[in-house]
Amino acid sequence: MNFIIPDPVRRALYNLTAGHVGLCRFVLRVLRDQFRENGKTVEMLQYLASTLLIDGMIGCARAFYWTRDWKVNKPETEFIRNKLLQPNTPFSGNLLDPVIKKFIKMGLITTINTNDERLTFSAPIMRSVLSNYLFNAPLNVNQSPSSTFDEFLLRTIERMSSSTLKESLGKGSYLYERTWQMEWFRTAKTVIPENASVSSDVGGSFGSVGFLDFYVDNGHCWGVELTREGEKLKKHAKRFESN
């Protein structure tokens, strides 16, 4: 029996992998195994945004073999953090830099064109995987699962580090939006419902970068968008209502 991939899922798959051949092959095989019979488009999209897929990739996909026994050092940590805190756009770098050379060899980042010093993550999902590696909650923070979406949001904000936010002010004393988002992501991991996980940078999975920043899976299907300022909130809210 032929397995048909709906167009919205095809687009989401490309947005997630940027056409990375190995990742596309892996995801297509997983989708076929998971949804061979009566697979619904919305269920496939939810799966693409979930940590179940990410965990499966890390465990089995060749593109993520580098995660096995990888002990990131300080220069590597600083490099990745700096890039994750930037918007999802190409960044410049010296191809002779030891960290960059190592990450290119690992397949974590790639050049835009041959001999071009503009770099990017080899696939959007790399950002999500690296965010999980580097933006973890401290071990001394108690895990306290939430039961409702409102409670979840309130407690993530309550647990955010004011000192981290104070040290992340940009021009005009405005908070860097990406820093605020990653600090929220760190605290969200301490209050998510039992047996659920939170994924970052999921907007790309649905072709809506800047529309949906985080997703809580396992039946909750909570989507979160975080903005730096209160302007245009009605416009943002209407986008969710119309979809």
Protein backbone atom coordinates (compact mmCIF):
# COMPACT_ATOMS: atom_id res chain seq x y z
CA MET A 1 0.00 0.00 0.00
CA ASN A 2 1.35 3.44 -0.97
CA PHE A 3 1.98 5.92 1.82
CA ILE A 4 0.88 9.44 0.87
CA ILE A 5 2.55 12.46 2.50
CA PRO A 6 0.09 15.42 2.59
CA ASP A 7 1.39 18.70 1.15
CA PRO A 8 1.39 20.55 4.53
CA VAL A 9 3.54 17.76 5.98
CA ARG A 10 5.91 17.90 3.01
CA ARG A 11 6.38 21.62 3.49
CA ALA A 12 6.89 21.17 7.23
CA LEU A 13 9.44 18.43 6.61
CA TYR A 14 11.43 20.69 4.30
CA ASN A 15 11.24 23.60 6.74
CA LEU A 16 12.49 21.31 9.51
CA THR A 17 15.39 19.76 7.60
CA ALA A 18 16.20 22.33 4.88
CA GLY A 19 16.27 19.37 2.51
CA HIS A 20 19.03 17.55 4.42
CA VAL A 21 18.98 14.18 2.61
CA GLY A 22 19.77 12.01 5.62
CA LEU A 23 17.24 13.73 7.87
CA CYS A 24 14.53 13.66 5.19
CA ARG A 25 15.05 9.94 4.69
CA PHE A 26 14.91 9.30 8.44
CA VAL A 27 11.75 11.38 9.01
CA LEU A 28 9.93 9.87 6.03
CA ARG A 29 10.67 6.38 7.31
CA VAL A 30 9.41 7.29 10.79
CA LEU A 31 6.24 8.89 9.40
CA ARG A 32 5.54 5.80 7.33
CA ASP A 33 5.98 3.54 10.37
CA GLN A 34 3.94 5.78 12.67
CA PHE A 35 1.11 6.75 10.32
CA ARG A 36 0.95 4.02 7.70
CA GLU A 37 -2.76 3.52 8.33
CA ASN A 38 -5.22 6.43 8.61
CA GLY A 39 -2.59 9.02 9.41
CA LYS A 40 -4.12 12.50 9.75
CA THR A 41 -2.32 15.62 8.62
CA VAL A 42 -2.66 17.38 11.97
CA GLU A 43 -1.27 14.34 13.81
CA MET A 44 1.74 14.22 11.51
CA LEU A 45 2.41 17.93 12.02
CA GLN A 46 2.14 17.54 15.78
CA TYR A 47 4.65 14.72 15.61
CA LEU A 48 7.09 16.84 13.59
CA ALA A 49 6.95 19.51 16.30
CA SER A 50 7.38 17.08 19.19
CA THR A 51 10.44 16.00 21.13
CA LEU A 52 9.59 12.40 20.23
CA LEU A 53 10.93 13.04 16.75
CA ILE A 54 13.99 14.89 18.05
CA ASP A 55 14.80 12.10 20.51
CA GLY A 56 14.42 9.55 17.73
CA MET A 57 16.75 11.51 15.47
CA ILE A 58 19.39 11.86 18.17
CA GLY A 59 19.27 8.14 18.85
CA CYS A 60 19.23 6.83 15.29
CA ALA A 61 19.86 9.40 12.53
CA ARG A 62 23.44 9.51 11.22
CA ALA A 63 23.31 13.31 11.12
CA PHE A 64 23.26 13.28 14.92
CA TYR A 65 25.98 10.72 15.62
CA TRP A 66 28.10 13.59 16.96
CA THR A 67 25.80 13.84 20.01
CA ARG A 68 27.03 10.50 21.32
CA ASP A 69 29.51 11.07 24.16
CA TRP A 70 29.97 14.67 22.99
CA LYS A 71 31.54 16.74 25.75
CA VAL A 72 31.26 20.37 24.70
CA ASN A 73 34.09 22.63 25.90
CA LYS A 74 33.92 26.31 26.84
CA PRO A 75 34.81 27.82 23.41
CA GLU A 76 32.28 25.52 21.73
CA THR A 77 29.61 26.38 24.30
CA GLU A 78 30.17 30.12 23.85
CA PHE A 79 30.07 29.82 20.06
CA ILE A 80 26.81 27.86 20.05
CA ARG A 81 25.14 30.06 22.66
CA ASN A 82 26.03 33.20 20.72
CA LYS A 83 24.59 31.78 17.50
CA LEU A 84 21.44 30.46 19.18
CA LEU A 85 20.81 33.87 20.70
CA GLN A 86 20.91 35.45 17.24
CA PRO A 87 17.96 35.44 14.83
CA ASN A 88 17.75 32.42 12.57
CA THR A 89 19.82 33.96 9.78
CA PRO A 90 23.26 33.19 8.27
CA PHE A 91 26.19 34.32 10.41
CA SER A 92 29.77 35.13 9.51
CA GLY A 93 32.79 33.21 10.72
CA ASN A 94 36.42 32.46 10.00
CA LEU A 95 36.72 29.09 8.28
CA LEU A 96 40.13 28.62 9.93
CA ASP A 97 38.66 28.94 13.42
CA PRO A 98 39.18 25.55 15.18
CA VAL A 99 35.63 25.52 16.55
CA ILE A 100 34.08 26.28 13.16
CA LYS A 101 36.29 23.72 11.41
CA LYS A 102 35.24 21.08 13.94
CA PHE A 103 31.53 21.89 13.65
CA ILE A 104 31.64 21.84 9.84
CA LYS A 105 33.33 18.42 9.97
CA MET A 106 30.65 17.21 12.40
CA GLY A 107 27.93 18.41 10.03
CA LEU A 108 26.50 20.79 12.59
CA ILE A 109 27.03 23.95 10.54
CA THR A 110 27.74 24.51 6.86
CA THR A 111 28.80 27.27 4.49
CA ILE A 112 26.21 28.99 2.31
CA ASN A 113 28.42 28.59 -0.76
CA THR A 114 31.84 27.08 -1.40
CA ASN A 115 34.63 29.22 0.14
CA ASP A 116 31.97 31.52 1.57
CA GLU A 117 32.45 32.64 5.18
CA ARG A 118 28.70 32.98 5.68
CA LEU A 119 27.59 30.05 7.78
CA THR A 120 24.34 28.51 8.91
CA PHE A 121 23.15 25.47 10.83
CA SER A 122 22.96 22.51 8.47
CA ALA A 123 19.23 22.14 9.28
CA PRO A 124 16.77 24.20 11.35
CA ILE A 125 16.23 21.25 13.69
CA MET A 126 19.89 21.57 14.74
CA ARG A 127 18.88 24.70 16.64
CA SER A 128 16.29 22.76 18.64
CA VAL A 129 18.74 19.98 19.47
CA LEU A 130 21.44 22.40 20.57
CA SER A 131 18.96 24.44 22.61
CA ASN A 132 18.11 21.30 24.56
CA TYR A 133 21.81 20.71 25.18
CA LEU A 134 22.74 24.19 26.36
CA PHE A 135 19.64 25.74 27.92
CA ASN A 136 18.96 23.24 30.67
CA ALA A 137 17.55 24.10 34.09
CA PRO A 138 20.02 23.87 37.01
CA LEU A 139 19.90 20.57 38.87
CA ASN A 140 19.07 22.38 42.12
CA VAL A 141 15.80 23.74 40.70
CA ASN A 142 12.87 21.64 41.83
CA GLN A 143 10.78 20.04 39.12
CA SER A 144 7.18 21.12 39.73
CA PRO A 145 4.77 19.95 36.99
CA SER A 146 1.86 22.21 36.00
CA SER A 147 -1.63 20.96 35.29
CA THR A 148 -3.11 23.82 33.24
CA PHE A 149 -1.81 26.10 30.52
CA ASP A 150 -2.38 29.26 32.59
CA GLU A 151 -0.52 27.78 35.54
CA PHE A 152 2.29 26.68 33.24
CA LEU A 153 2.77 30.18 31.81
CA LEU A 154 2.61 31.90 35.20
CA ARG A 155 5.16 29.63 36.81
CA THR A 156 7.62 29.79 33.93
CA ILE A 157 7.68 33.56 34.26
CA GLU A 158 8.00 33.40 38.05
CA ARG A 159 11.08 31.19 37.75
CA MET A 160 12.95 33.31 35.22
CA SER A 161 16.29 34.72 36.38
CA SER A 162 16.09 38.49 36.76
CA SER A 163 19.90 38.76 36.80
CA THR A 164 20.15 36.96 33.45
CA LEU A 165 17.62 39.32 31.91
CA LYS A 166 19.27 42.43 33.39
CA GLU A 167 22.57 41.44 31.79
CA SER A 168 20.96 41.03 28.37
CA LEU A 169 19.89 44.55 27.51
CA GLY A 170 20.56 45.91 24.05
CA LYS A 171 20.25 49.31 22.42
CA GLY A 172 17.93 51.65 24.30
CA SER A 173 17.86 49.26 27.28
CA TYR A 174 15.58 46.90 25.37
CA LEU A 175 15.83 43.25 26.28
CA TYR A 176 17.15 41.00 23.53
CA GLU A 177 14.12 39.00 22.47
CA ARG A 178 16.09 35.83 21.88
CA THR A 179 17.62 35.97 25.38
CA TRP A 180 14.19 36.35 26.92
CA GLN A 181 12.92 33.40 24.89
CA MET A 182 15.78 31.09 25.88
CA GLU A 183 15.52 32.01 29.56
CA TRP A 184 11.81 31.19 29.40
CA PHE A 185 12.66 27.88 27.67
CA ARG A 186 15.04 27.00 30.50
CA THR A 187 12.40 27.55 33.18
CA ALA A 188 9.66 25.89 31.14
CA LYS A 189 11.55 22.61 31.44
CA THR A 190 11.02 22.70 35.22
CA VAL A 191 7.23 23.10 35.19
CA ILE A 192 5.97 21.20 32.14
CA PRO A 193 3.21 18.64 32.81
CA GLU A 194 4.27 15.12 33.70
CA ASN A 195 5.39 12.99 30.73
CA ALA A 196 5.39 16.03 28.44
CA SER A 197 8.29 17.85 26.76
CA VAL A 198 8.79 21.35 25.43
CA SER A 199 10.36 21.97 22.01
CA SER A 200 11.98 25.20 20.85
CA ASP A 201 12.08 26.92 17.46
CA VAL A 202 9.08 25.05 16.10
CA GLY A 203 7.83 27.91 13.92
CA GLY A 204 10.02 26.67 11.09
CA SER A 205 8.33 23.27 11.18
CA PHE A 206 5.08 24.89 10.13
CA GLY A 207 6.60 27.49 7.82
CA SER A 208 5.76 30.24 10.28
CA VAL A 209 9.04 31.54 11.68
CA GLY A 210 8.30 34.14 14.34
CA PHE A 211 4.78 32.79 14.76
CA LEU A 212 5.24 29.87 17.14
CA ASP A 213 8.33 29.68 19.31
CA PHE A 214 7.67 26.71 21.61
CA TYR A 215 5.45 23.65 21.67
CA VAL A 216 4.44 21.35 24.55
CA ASP A 217 3.55 17.88 23.31
CA ASN A 218 2.06 14.62 24.63
CA GLY A 219 -1.58 15.52 24.06
CA HIS A 220 -1.38 19.05 25.47
CA CYS A 221 -0.62 20.71 22.11
CA TRP A 222 0.29 24.02 23.76
CA GLY A 223 1.91 26.54 21.46
CA VAL A 224 3.72 29.59 22.83
CA GLU A 225 4.89 32.74 21.11
CA LEU A 226 7.05 35.14 23.12
CA THR A 227 7.50 38.76 22.07
CA ARG A 228 9.77 41.36 23.60
CA GLU A 229 7.26 44.20 23.64
CA GLY A 230 3.52 44.55 24.06
CA GLU A 231 2.97 46.24 20.72
CA LYS A 232 0.83 44.54 18.08
CA LEU A 233 -0.39 41.89 20.51
CA LYS A 234 -3.87 41.94 18.96
CA LYS A 235 -2.34 41.26 15.56
CA HIS A 236 -0.38 38.31 16.96
CA ALA A 237 -3.46 36.92 18.74
CA LYS A 238 -5.59 37.10 15.57
CA ARG A 239 -3.10 34.94 13.70
CA PHE A 240 -3.75 32.15 16.18
CA GLU A 241 -7.52 32.65 16.01
CA SER A 242 -7.62 32.44 12.22
CA ASN A 243 -5.61 29.22 12.11
